[in-house]
Amino acid sequence: VIDTLSAAKSDAQSALHILQLLKTTDMIWPSDEFG
């Protein structure tokens, strides 16, 4: 997710798809990656 979102400027479409995934995903994120 982080890698895809970080490349949003050059690949906005993939970022949009990942954002859609995040909206519908209910989970506890690993603390070392949350920031």
Full PDB file with SEQRES, HELIX, SHEET, SSBOND, CRYST1, ORIGX, SCALE, CONECT and MASTER records, all heavy atoms in Angstrom:
SEQRES   1 A   35  VAL ILE ASP THR LEU SER ALA ALA LYS SER ASP ALA GLN          
SEQRES   2 A   35  SER ALA LEU HIS ILE LEU GLN LEU LEU LYS THR THR ASP          
SEQRES   3 A   35  MET ILE TRP PRO SER ASP GLU PHE GLY                          
HELIX    1 AA1 ILE A    2  SER A    6  1                                   5    
HELIX    2 AA2 ALA A   12  LYS A   23  1                                  12    
HELIX    3 AA3 SER A   31  PHE A   34  1                                   4    
CRYST1    1.000    1.000    1.000  90.00  90.00  90.00 P 1           1          
ORIGX1      1.000000  0.000000  0.000000        0.00000                         
ORIGX2      0.000000  1.000000  0.000000        0.00000                         
ORIGX3      0.000000  0.000000  1.000000        0.00000                         
SCALE1      1.000000  0.000000  0.000000        0.00000                         
SCALE2      0.000000  1.000000  0.000000        0.00000                         
SCALE3      0.000000  0.000000  1.000000        0.00000                         
ATOM      1  N   VAL A   1       0.835  -1.210   0.000  1.00  0.00           N  
ATOM      2  CA  VAL A   1       0.000   0.000   0.000  1.00  0.00           C  
ATOM      3  C   VAL A   1       0.864   1.252   0.000  1.00  0.00           C  
ATOM      4  O   VAL A   1       0.648   2.184  -0.787  1.00  0.00           O  
ATOM      5  CB  VAL A   1      -0.942   0.000   1.220  1.00  0.00           C  
ATOM      6  CG1 VAL A   1      -1.611   1.363   1.382  1.00  0.00           C  
ATOM      7  CG2 VAL A   1      -1.999  -1.093   1.075  1.00  0.00           C  
ATOM      8  N   ILE A   2       1.871   1.286   0.870  1.00  0.00           N  
ATOM      9  CA  ILE A   2       2.738   2.465   0.971  1.00  0.00           C  
ATOM     10  C   ILE A   2       3.475   2.707  -0.348  1.00  0.00           C  
ATOM     11  O   ILE A   2       3.544   3.842  -0.838  1.00  0.00           O  
ATOM     12  CB  ILE A   2       3.742   2.290   2.131  1.00  0.00           C  
ATOM     13  CG1 ILE A   2       3.002   2.323   3.470  1.00  0.00           C  
ATOM     14  CG2 ILE A   2       4.812   3.387   2.093  1.00  0.00           C  
ATOM     15  CD1 ILE A   2       3.850   1.856   4.640  1.00  0.00           C  
ATOM     16  N   ASP A   3       4.019   1.652  -0.930  1.00  0.00           N  
ATOM     17  CA  ASP A   3       4.753   1.788  -2.204  1.00  0.00           C  
ATOM     18  C   ASP A   3       3.827   2.292  -3.310  1.00  0.00           C  
ATOM     19  O   ASP A   3       4.224   3.138  -4.123  1.00  0.00           O  
ATOM     20  CB  ASP A   3       5.366   0.448  -2.612  1.00  0.00           C  
ATOM     21  CG  ASP A   3       6.513   0.027  -1.710  1.00  0.00           C  
ATOM     22  OD1 ASP A   3       7.010   0.889  -0.952  1.00  0.00           O  
ATOM     23  OD2 ASP A   3       6.891  -1.166  -1.743  1.00  0.00           O  
ATOM     24  N   THR A   4       2.597   1.772  -3.350  1.00  0.00           N  
ATOM     25  CA  THR A   4       1.649   2.184  -4.396  1.00  0.00           C  
ATOM     26  C   THR A   4       1.228   3.635  -4.219  1.00  0.00           C  
ATOM     27  O   THR A   4       1.174   4.401  -5.190  1.00  0.00           O  
ATOM     28  CB  THR A   4       0.405   1.275  -4.390  1.00  0.00           C  
ATOM     29  OG1 THR A   4       0.809  -0.095  -4.537  1.00  0.00           O  
ATOM     30  CG2 THR A   4      -0.539   1.631  -5.532  1.00  0.00           C  
ATOM     31  N   LEU A   5       0.938   4.024  -2.977  1.00  0.00           N  
ATOM     32  CA  LEU A   5       0.508   5.398  -2.718  1.00  0.00           C  
ATOM     33  C   LEU A   5       1.645   6.384  -2.940  1.00  0.00           C  
ATOM     34  O   LEU A   5       1.415   7.516  -3.387  1.00  0.00           O  
ATOM     35  CB  LEU A   5      -0.026   5.528  -1.284  1.00  0.00           C  
ATOM     36  CG  LEU A   5      -1.294   4.737  -0.961  1.00  0.00           C  
ATOM     37  CD1 LEU A   5      -1.717   5.001   0.488  1.00  0.00           C  
ATOM     38  CD2 LEU A   5      -2.431   5.094  -1.919  1.00  0.00           C  
ATOM     39  N   SER A   6       2.860   5.961  -2.643  1.00  0.00           N  
ATOM     40  CA  SER A   6       4.018   6.853  -2.829  1.00  0.00           C  
ATOM     41  C   SER A   6       4.262   7.152  -4.300  1.00  0.00           C  
ATOM     42  O   SER A   6       4.903   8.161  -4.639  1.00  0.00           O  
ATOM     43  CB  SER A   6       5.272   6.226  -2.206  1.00  0.00           C  
ATOM     44  OG  SER A   6       5.108   6.048  -0.809  1.00  0.00           O  
ATOM     45  N   ALA A   7       3.761   6.287  -5.170  1.00  0.00           N  
ATOM     46  CA  ALA A   7       3.927   6.488  -6.623  1.00  0.00           C  
ATOM     47  C   ALA A   7       2.684   7.090  -7.258  1.00  0.00           C  
ATOM     48  O   ALA A   7       2.520   7.042  -8.478  1.00  0.00           O  
ATOM     49  CB  ALA A   7       4.263   5.150  -7.281  1.00  0.00           C  
ATOM     50  N   ALA A   8       1.808   7.668  -6.431  1.00  0.00           N  
ATOM     51  CA  ALA A   8       0.516   8.182  -6.927  1.00  0.00           C  
ATOM     52  C   ALA A   8       0.669   9.262  -7.992  1.00  0.00           C  
ATOM     53  O   ALA A   8      -0.148   9.363  -8.911  1.00  0.00           O  
ATOM     54  CB  ALA A   8      -0.313   8.715  -5.762  1.00  0.00           C  
ATOM     55  N   LYS A   9       1.712  10.056  -7.890  1.00  0.00           N  
ATOM     56  CA  LYS A   9       1.893  11.142  -8.850  1.00  0.00           C  
ATOM     57  C   LYS A   9       2.090  10.608 -10.263  1.00  0.00           C  
ATOM     58  O   LYS A   9       1.618  11.213 -11.243  1.00  0.00           O  
ATOM     59  CB  LYS A   9       3.091  12.007  -8.441  1.00  0.00           C  
ATOM     60  CG  LYS A   9       3.179  13.330  -9.194  1.00  0.00           C  
ATOM     61  CD  LYS A   9       4.232  14.231  -8.581  1.00  0.00           C  
ATOM     62  CE  LYS A   9       4.260  15.587  -9.293  1.00  0.00           C  
ATOM     63  NZ  LYS A   9       5.264  16.498  -8.679  1.00  0.00           N  
ATOM     64  N   SER A  10       2.761   9.464 -10.384  1.00  0.00           N  
ATOM     65  CA  SER A  10       3.016   8.882 -11.702  1.00  0.00           C  
ATOM     66  C   SER A  10       2.009   7.792 -12.073  1.00  0.00           C  
ATOM     67  O   SER A  10       1.859   7.446 -13.244  1.00  0.00           O  
ATOM     68  CB  SER A  10       4.430   8.297 -11.758  1.00  0.00           C  
ATOM     69  OG  SER A  10       4.604   7.313 -10.752  1.00  0.00           O  
ATOM     70  N   ASP A  11       1.316   7.250 -11.069  1.00  0.00           N  
ATOM     71  CA  ASP A  11       0.329   6.183 -11.327  1.00  0.00           C  
ATOM     72  C   ASP A  11      -0.878   6.397 -10.418  1.00  0.00           C  
ATOM     73  O   ASP A  11      -1.087   5.658  -9.449  1.00  0.00           O  
ATOM     74  CB  ASP A  11       0.968   4.810 -11.084  1.00  0.00           C  
ATOM     75  CG  ASP A  11       0.052   3.656 -11.506  1.00  0.00           C  
ATOM     76  OD1 ASP A  11      -1.061   3.926 -11.999  1.00  0.00           O  
ATOM     77  OD2 ASP A  11       0.444   2.490 -11.326  1.00  0.00           O  
ATOM     78  N   ALA A  12      -1.660   7.408 -10.756  1.00  0.00           N  
ATOM     79  CA  ALA A  12      -2.817   7.763  -9.935  1.00  0.00           C  
ATOM     80  C   ALA A  12      -3.879   6.665  -9.935  1.00  0.00           C  
ATOM     81  O   ALA A  12      -4.584   6.474  -8.949  1.00  0.00           O  
ATOM     82  CB  ALA A  12      -3.426   9.076 -10.425  1.00  0.00           C  
ATOM     83  N   GLN A  13      -3.976   5.920 -11.054  1.00  0.00           N  
ATOM     84  CA  GLN A  13      -5.012   4.898 -11.161  1.00  0.00           C  
ATOM     85  C   GLN A  13      -4.812   3.788 -10.129  1.00  0.00           C  
ATOM     86  O   GLN A  13      -5.756   3.385  -9.442  1.00  0.00           O  
ATOM     87  CB  GLN A  13      -5.025   4.307 -12.573  1.00  0.00           C  
ATOM     88  CG  GLN A  13      -6.327   3.606 -12.946  1.00  0.00           C  
ATOM     89  CD  GLN A  13      -7.526   4.539 -12.947  1.00  0.00           C  
ATOM     90  OE1 GLN A  13      -7.476   5.604 -13.530  1.00  0.00           O  
ATOM     91  NE2 GLN A  13      -8.585   4.149 -12.271  1.00  0.00           N  
ATOM     92  N   SER A  14      -3.591   3.303 -10.009  1.00  0.00           N  
ATOM     93  CA  SER A  14      -3.314   2.255  -9.023  1.00  0.00           C  
ATOM     94  C   SER A  14      -3.536   2.771  -7.605  1.00  0.00           C  
ATOM     95  O   SER A  14      -4.037   2.046  -6.736  1.00  0.00           O  
ATOM     96  CB  SER A  14      -1.879   1.745  -9.166  1.00  0.00           C  
ATOM     97  OG  SER A  14      -1.725   1.025 -10.379  1.00  0.00           O  
ATOM     98  N   ALA A  15      -3.165   4.030  -7.371  1.00  0.00           N  
ATOM     99  CA  ALA A  15      -3.385   4.629  -6.052  1.00  0.00           C  
ATOM    100  C   ALA A  15      -4.872   4.683  -5.717  1.00  0.00           C  
ATOM    101  O   ALA A  15      -5.281   4.390  -4.584  1.00  0.00           O  
ATOM    102  CB  ALA A  15      -2.779   6.035  -6.002  1.00  0.00           C  
ATOM    103  N   LEU A  16      -5.688   5.031  -6.703  1.00  0.00           N  
ATOM    104  CA  LEU A  16      -7.140   5.064  -6.489  1.00  0.00           C  
ATOM    105  C   LEU A  16      -7.670   3.684  -6.123  1.00  0.00           C  
ATOM    106  O   LEU A  16      -8.520   3.551  -5.227  1.00  0.00           O  
ATOM    107  CB  LEU A  16      -7.849   5.578  -7.747  1.00  0.00           C  
ATOM    108  CG  LEU A  16      -7.781   7.077  -8.013  1.00  0.00           C  
ATOM    109  CD1 LEU A  16      -8.336   7.401  -9.401  1.00  0.00           C  
ATOM    110  CD2 LEU A  16      -8.558   7.840  -6.949  1.00  0.00           C  
ATOM    111  N   HIS A  17      -7.173   2.664  -6.803  1.00  0.00           N  
ATOM    112  CA  HIS A  17      -7.626   1.305  -6.516  1.00  0.00           C  
ATOM    113  C   HIS A  17      -7.240   0.893  -5.092  1.00  0.00           C  
ATOM    114  O   HIS A  17      -8.022   0.248  -4.389  1.00  0.00           O  
ATOM    115  CB  HIS A  17      -7.035   0.319  -7.524  1.00  0.00           C  
ATOM    116  CG  HIS A  17      -7.457   0.564  -8.936  1.00  0.00           C  
ATOM    117  ND1 HIS A  17      -8.691   1.099  -9.262  1.00  0.00           N  
ATOM    118  CD2 HIS A  17      -6.815   0.340 -10.124  1.00  0.00           C  
ATOM    119  CE1 HIS A  17      -8.795   1.190 -10.577  1.00  0.00           C  
ATOM    120  NE2 HIS A  17      -7.674   0.743 -11.115  1.00  0.00           N  
ATOM    121  N   ILE A  18      -6.034   1.270  -4.677  1.00  0.00           N  
ATOM    122  CA  ILE A  18      -5.578   0.926  -3.332  1.00  0.00           C  
ATOM    123  C   ILE A  18      -6.379   1.685  -2.281  1.00  0.00           C  
ATOM    124  O   ILE A  18      -6.709   1.152  -1.212  1.00  0.00           O  
ATOM    125  CB  ILE A  18      -4.065   1.217  -3.183  1.00  0.00           C  
ATOM    126  CG1 ILE A  18      -3.260   0.124  -3.873  1.00  0.00           C  
ATOM    127  CG2 ILE A  18      -3.659   1.309  -1.717  1.00  0.00           C  
ATOM    128  CD1 ILE A  18      -3.449  -1.270  -3.282  1.00  0.00           C  
ATOM    129  N   LEU A  19      -6.714   2.928  -2.563  1.00  0.00           N  
ATOM    130  CA  LEU A  19      -7.539   3.711  -1.626  1.00  0.00           C  
ATOM    131  C   LEU A  19      -8.916   3.058  -1.462  1.00  0.00           C  
ATOM    132  O   LEU A  19      -9.476   3.038  -0.360  1.00  0.00           O  
ATOM    133  CB  LEU A  19      -7.688   5.147  -2.131  1.00  0.00           C  
ATOM    134  CG  LEU A  19      -6.427   6.007  -2.049  1.00  0.00           C  
ATOM    135  CD1 LEU A  19      -6.641   7.346  -2.757  1.00  0.00           C  
ATOM    136  CD2 LEU A  19      -6.027   6.245  -0.597  1.00  0.00           C  
ATOM    137  N   GLN A  20      -9.441   2.541  -2.561  1.00  0.00           N  
ATOM    138  CA  GLN A  20     -10.725   1.841  -2.498  1.00  0.00           C  
ATOM    139  C   GLN A  20     -10.601   0.595  -1.616  1.00  0.00           C  
ATOM    140  O   GLN A  20     -11.501   0.284  -0.826  1.00  0.00           O  
ATOM    141  CB  GLN A  20     -11.162   1.437  -3.914  1.00  0.00           C  
ATOM    142  CG  GLN A  20     -12.613   0.988  -4.021  1.00  0.00           C  
ATOM    143  CD  GLN A  20     -13.595   2.102  -3.715  1.00  0.00           C  
ATOM    144  OE1 GLN A  20     -13.441   3.223  -4.197  1.00  0.00           O  
ATOM    145  NE2 GLN A  20     -14.583   1.806  -2.892  1.00  0.00           N  
ATOM    146  N   LEU A  21      -9.486  -0.098  -1.740  1.00  0.00           N  
ATOM    147  CA  LEU A  21      -9.240  -1.270  -0.896  1.00  0.00           C  
ATOM    148  C   LEU A  21      -9.162  -0.874   0.574  1.00  0.00           C  
ATOM    149  O   LEU A  21      -9.755  -1.539   1.443  1.00  0.00           O  
ATOM    150  CB  LEU A  21      -7.938  -1.949  -1.328  1.00  0.00           C  
ATOM    151  CG  LEU A  21      -7.448  -3.115  -0.455  1.00  0.00           C  
ATOM    152  CD1 LEU A  21      -8.424  -4.279  -0.512  1.00  0.00           C  
ATOM    153  CD2 LEU A  21      -6.051  -3.567  -0.899  1.00  0.00           C  
ATOM    154  N   LEU A  22      -8.453   0.200   0.867  1.00  0.00           N  
ATOM    155  CA  LEU A  22      -8.314   0.657   2.248  1.00  0.00           C  
ATOM    156  C   LEU A  22      -9.658   1.023   2.872  1.00  0.00           C  
ATOM    157  O   LEU A  22      -9.900   0.764   4.054  1.00  0.00           O  
ATOM    158  CB  LEU A  22      -7.370   1.869   2.317  1.00  0.00           C  
ATOM    159  CG  LEU A  22      -5.893   1.616   2.060  1.00  0.00           C  
ATOM    160  CD1 LEU A  22      -5.116   2.923   2.099  1.00  0.00           C  
ATOM    161  CD2 LEU A  22      -5.325   0.639   3.082  1.00  0.00           C  
ATOM    162  N   LYS A  23     -10.520   1.615   2.076  1.00  0.00           N  
ATOM    163  CA  LYS A  23     -11.845   2.019   2.570  1.00  0.00           C  
ATOM    164  C   LYS A  23     -12.643   0.837   3.102  1.00  0.00           C  
ATOM    165  O   LYS A  23     -13.434   0.980   4.031  1.00  0.00           O  
ATOM    166  CB  LYS A  23     -12.653   2.685   1.449  1.00  0.00           C  
ATOM    167  CG  LYS A  23     -12.405   4.156   1.231  1.00  0.00           C  
ATOM    168  CD  LYS A  23     -13.276   4.665   0.094  1.00  0.00           C  
ATOM    169  CE  LYS A  23     -14.750   4.404   0.349  1.00  0.00           C  
ATOM    170  NZ  LYS A  23     -15.591   4.883  -0.785  1.00  0.00           N  
ATOM    171  N   THR A  24     -12.453  -0.320   2.475  1.00  0.00           N  
ATOM    172  CA  THR A  24     -13.290  -1.477   2.791  1.00  0.00           C  
ATOM    173  C   THR A  24     -12.568  -2.531   3.640  1.00  0.00           C  
ATOM    174  O   THR A  24     -13.118  -3.613   3.868  1.00  0.00           O  
ATOM    175  CB  THR A  24     -13.779  -2.148   1.495  1.00  0.00           C  
ATOM    176  OG1 THR A  24     -12.647  -2.538   0.699  1.00  0.00           O  
ATOM    177  CG2 THR A  24     -14.631  -1.183   0.677  1.00  0.00           C  
ATOM    178  N   THR A  25     -11.359  -2.202   4.111  1.00  0.00           N  
ATOM    179  CA  THR A  25     -10.576  -3.190   4.861  1.00  0.00           C  
ATOM    180  C   THR A  25     -10.538  -2.832   6.340  1.00  0.00           C  
ATOM    181  O   THR A  25     -10.083  -1.756   6.714  1.00  0.00           O  
ATOM    182  CB  THR A  25      -9.139  -3.276   4.309  1.00  0.00           C  
ATOM    183  OG1 THR A  25      -9.187  -3.655   2.932  1.00  0.00           O  
ATOM    184  CG2 THR A  25      -8.334  -4.308   5.083  1.00  0.00           C  
ATOM    185  N   ASP A  26     -11.023  -3.744   7.155  1.00  0.00           N  
ATOM    186  CA  ASP A  26     -11.053  -3.555   8.606  1.00  0.00           C  
ATOM    187  C   ASP A  26      -9.986  -4.446   9.226  1.00  0.00           C  
ATOM    188  O   ASP A  26     -10.158  -5.664   9.320  1.00  0.00           O  
ATOM    189  CB  ASP A  26     -12.438  -3.920   9.149  1.00  0.00           C  
ATOM    190  CG  ASP A  26     -12.536  -3.730  10.655  1.00  0.00           C  
ATOM    191  OD1 ASP A  26     -11.669  -3.033  11.212  1.00  0.00           O  
ATOM    192  OD2 ASP A  26     -13.475  -4.286  11.267  1.00  0.00           O  
ATOM    193  N   MET A  27      -8.871  -3.847   9.613  1.00  0.00           N  
ATOM    194  CA  MET A  27      -7.757  -4.629  10.157  1.00  0.00           C  
ATOM    195  C   MET A  27      -6.913  -3.763  11.077  1.00  0.00           C  
ATOM    196  O   MET A  27      -7.036  -2.531  11.096  1.00  0.00           O  
ATOM    197  CB  MET A  27      -6.864  -5.153   9.015  1.00  0.00           C  
ATOM    198  CG  MET A  27      -6.209  -4.041   8.212  1.00  0.00           C  
ATOM    199  SD  MET A  27      -5.071  -4.632   6.934  1.00  0.00           S  
ATOM    200  CE  MET A  27      -3.644  -5.103   7.922  1.00  0.00           C  
ATOM    201  N   ILE A  28      -6.083  -4.416  11.867  1.00  0.00           N  
ATOM    202  CA  ILE A  28      -5.106  -3.710  12.702  1.00  0.00           C  
ATOM    203  C   ILE A  28      -3.796  -3.679  11.923  1.00  0.00           C  
ATOM    204  O   ILE A  28      -3.263  -4.722  11.541  1.00  0.00           O  
ATOM    205  CB  ILE A  28      -4.906  -4.423  14.050  1.00  0.00           C  
ATOM    206  CG1 ILE A  28      -6.227  -4.436  14.840  1.00  0.00           C  
ATOM    207  CG2 ILE A  28      -3.809  -3.731  14.867  1.00  0.00           C  
ATOM    208  CD1 ILE A  28      -6.151  -5.209  16.138  1.00  0.00           C  
ATOM    209  N   TRP A  29      -3.291  -2.475  11.696  1.00  0.00           N  
ATOM    210  CA  TRP A  29      -2.063  -2.319  10.913  1.00  0.00           C  
ATOM    211  C   TRP A  29      -0.843  -2.523  11.802  1.00  0.00           C  
ATOM    212  O   TRP A  29      -0.877  -2.209  12.995  1.00  0.00           O  
ATOM    213  CB  TRP A  29      -2.028  -0.927  10.279  1.00  0.00           C  
ATOM    214  CG  TRP A  29      -3.100  -0.750   9.259  1.00  0.00           C  
ATOM    215  CD1 TRP A  29      -4.363  -0.283   9.472  1.00  0.00           C  
ATOM    216  CD2 TRP A  29      -3.023  -1.074   7.867  1.00  0.00           C  
ATOM    217  NE1 TRP A  29      -5.087  -0.304   8.300  1.00  0.00           N  
ATOM    218  CE2 TRP A  29      -4.290  -0.779   7.301  1.00  0.00           C  
ATOM    219  CE3 TRP A  29      -2.028  -1.579   7.040  1.00  0.00           C  
ATOM    220  CZ2 TRP A  29      -4.571  -0.977   5.947  1.00  0.00           C  
ATOM    221  CZ3 TRP A  29      -2.297  -1.779   5.699  1.00  0.00           C  
ATOM    222  CH2 TRP A  29      -3.554  -1.476   5.170  1.00  0.00           C  
ATOM    223  N   PRO A  30       0.252  -3.036  11.272  1.00  0.00           N  
ATOM    224  CA  PRO A  30       1.471  -3.230  12.080  1.00  0.00           C  
ATOM    225  C   PRO A  30       1.995  -1.880  12.568  1.00  0.00           C  
ATOM    226  O   PRO A  30       2.086  -0.927  11.790  1.00  0.00           O  
ATOM    227  CB  PRO A  30       2.442  -3.905  11.107  1.00  0.00           C  
ATOM    228  CG  PRO A  30       1.909  -3.618   9.737  1.00  0.00           C  
ATOM    229  CD  PRO A  30       0.431  -3.498   9.876  1.00  0.00           C  
ATOM    230  N   SER A  31       2.326  -1.806  13.831  1.00  0.00           N  
ATOM    231  CA  SER A  31       2.710  -0.533  14.435  1.00  0.00           C  
ATOM    232  C   SER A  31       3.943   0.080  13.784  1.00  0.00           C  
ATOM    233  O   SER A  31       4.048   1.303  13.671  1.00  0.00           O  
ATOM    234  CB  SER A  31       2.954  -0.719  15.937  1.00  0.00           C  
ATOM    235  OG  SER A  31       3.943  -1.713  16.163  1.00  0.00           O  
ATOM    236  N   ASP A  32       4.888  -0.756  13.310  1.00  0.00           N  
ATOM    237  CA  ASP A  32       6.116  -0.207  12.738  1.00  0.00           C  
ATOM    238  C   ASP A  32       5.919   0.365  11.338  1.00  0.00           C  
ATOM    239  O   ASP A  32       6.815   1.004  10.792  1.00  0.00           O  
ATOM    240  CB  ASP A  32       7.229  -1.256  12.725  1.00  0.00           C  
ATOM    241  CG  ASP A  32       6.854  -2.504  11.939  1.00  0.00           C  
ATOM    242  OD1 ASP A  32       5.637  -2.742  11.764  1.00  0.00           O  
ATOM    243  OD2 ASP A  32       7.751  -3.225  11.507  1.00  0.00           O  
ATOM    244  N   GLU A  33       4.752   0.119  10.731  1.00  0.00           N  
ATOM    245  CA  GLU A  33       4.464   0.660   9.401  1.00  0.00           C  
ATOM    246  C   GLU A  33       3.352   1.704   9.438  1.00  0.00           C  
ATOM    247  O   GLU A  33       3.107   2.374   8.430  1.00  0.00           O  
ATOM    248  CB  GLU A  33       4.040  -0.468   8.445  1.00  0.00           C  
ATOM    249  CG  GLU A  33       5.091  -1.518   8.177  1.00  0.00           C  
ATOM    250  CD  GLU A  33       6.201  -1.042   7.248  1.00  0.00           C  
ATOM    251  OE1 GLU A  33       6.186   0.148   6.874  1.00  0.00           O  
ATOM    252  OE2 GLU A  33       7.079  -1.856   6.900  1.00  0.00           O  
ATOM    253  N   PHE A  34       2.712   1.861  10.586  1.00  0.00           N  
ATOM    254  CA  PHE A  34       1.531   2.714  10.637  1.00  0.00           C  
ATOM    255  C   PHE A  34       1.869   4.175  10.345  1.00  0.00           C  
ATOM    256  O   PHE A  34       1.138   4.869   9.622  1.00  0.00           O  
ATOM    257  CB  PHE A  34       0.848   2.609  12.010  1.00  0.00           C  
ATOM    258  CG  PHE A  34      -0.537   3.186  12.032  1.00  0.00           C  
ATOM    259  CD1 PHE A  34      -1.624   2.440  11.599  1.00  0.00           C  
ATOM    260  CD2 PHE A  34      -0.760   4.482  12.459  1.00  0.00           C  
ATOM    261  CE1 PHE A  34      -2.901   2.963  11.603  1.00  0.00           C  
ATOM    262  CE2 PHE A  34      -2.037   5.023  12.464  1.00  0.00           C  
ATOM    263  CZ  PHE A  34      -3.110   4.260  12.039  1.00  0.00           C  
ATOM    264  N   GLY A  35       2.975   4.655  10.897  1.00  0.00           N  
ATOM    265  CA  GLY A  35       3.370   6.039  10.660  1.00  0.00           C  
ATOM    266  C   GLY A  35       3.633   6.306   9.184  1.00  0.00           C  
ATOM    267  O   GLY A  35       3.183   7.325   8.633  1.00  0.00           O  
TER     268      GLY A  35                                                      
MASTER        0    0    0    3    0    0    0    6  267    1    0    3          
END                                                                             
